[in-house]
Protein backbone atom coordinates (compact mmCIF):
# COMPACT_ATOMS: atom_id res chain seq x y z
CA UNK A 1 -36.31 -1.63 -16.92
CA UNK A 2 -33.59 -1.31 -14.28
CA UNK A 3 -29.87 -1.89 -14.76
CA UNK A 4 -28.38 -5.16 -13.52
CA UNK A 5 -26.87 -4.92 -10.01
CA UNK A 6 -25.10 -7.37 -7.72
CA UNK A 7 -24.00 -7.11 -4.09
CA UNK A 8 -20.24 -7.04 -3.76
CA UNK A 9 -20.40 -10.00 -1.37
CA UNK A 10 -22.08 -12.10 -4.09
CA UNK A 11 -19.51 -11.30 -6.77
CA UNK A 12 -17.36 -14.34 -7.48
CA UNK A 13 -15.07 -12.69 -10.03
CA UNK A 14 -14.75 -9.23 -11.53
CA UNK A 15 -16.70 -8.55 -14.71
CA UNK A 16 -14.53 -8.50 -17.84
CA UNK A 17 -16.30 -5.37 -19.09
CA UNK A 18 -15.59 -3.09 -16.11
CA UNK A 19 -16.12 -0.02 -18.30
CA UNK A 20 -19.83 -0.89 -18.25
CA UNK A 21 -20.15 -0.92 -14.44
CA UNK A 22 -20.19 1.51 -11.55
CA UNK A 23 -19.24 0.74 -7.96
CA UNK A 24 -21.71 2.21 -5.52
CA UNK A 25 -22.31 2.18 -1.78
CA UNK A 26 -25.84 0.95 -1.06
CA UNK A 27 -26.52 3.99 1.07
CA UNK A 28 -25.13 7.09 -0.55
CA UNK A 29 -26.49 10.61 -0.69
CA UNK A 30 -26.45 12.59 -3.94
CA UNK A 31 -24.00 10.21 -5.59
CA UNK A 32 -21.33 10.42 -2.90
CA UNK A 33 -18.95 7.48 -3.01
CA UNK A 34 -19.98 6.32 -6.50
CA UNK A 35 -17.08 5.32 -8.78
CA UNK A 36 -18.01 5.66 -12.44
CA UNK A 37 -14.82 4.56 -14.21
CA UNK A 38 -14.06 1.45 -12.17
CA UNK A 39 -10.66 -0.27 -12.26
CA UNK A 40 -9.53 -3.56 -10.72
CA UNK A 41 -7.53 -1.50 -8.22
CA UNK A 42 -10.74 0.24 -7.15
CA UNK A 43 -12.43 -3.10 -6.67
CA UNK A 44 -9.53 -4.42 -4.60
CA UNK A 45 -9.75 -1.33 -2.40
CA UNK A 46 -13.40 -1.84 -1.47
CA UNK A 47 -13.66 -1.90 2.32
CA UNK A 48 -13.88 -5.23 4.11
CA UNK A 49 -17.57 -4.58 4.76
CA UNK A 50 -18.39 -5.49 1.16
CA UNK A 51 -22.07 -6.14 1.90
CA UNK A 52 -22.67 -2.40 1.76
CA UNK A 53 -21.49 -2.04 -1.87
CA UNK A 54 -23.02 -3.03 -5.21
CA UNK A 55 -21.72 -3.31 -8.74
CA UNK A 56 -24.27 -1.89 -11.11
CA UNK A 57 -24.39 -1.97 -14.87
CA UNK A 58 -24.21 1.55 -16.33
CA UNK A 59 -27.53 2.68 -17.67
CA UNK A 60 -27.06 4.70 -20.83
CA UNK A 61 -30.41 6.47 -21.13
CA UNK A 62 -29.43 8.23 -24.34
CA UNK A 63 -29.32 4.80 -26.04
CA UNK A 64 -32.78 3.75 -24.84
């Protein structure tokens, strides 16, 4: 099972439970550019080329 993810361009409103999401560039190497503790300010600061970013639900493997 994979965590839920959505392209930033398809996001209509910010999730209420931001603590459960990460903001990630689609093409990143070794985790570069990934924001783990996302805030609304972080989301507002996403570059204009939003199609290259996704919001992904955190996957807590220790709870699986």
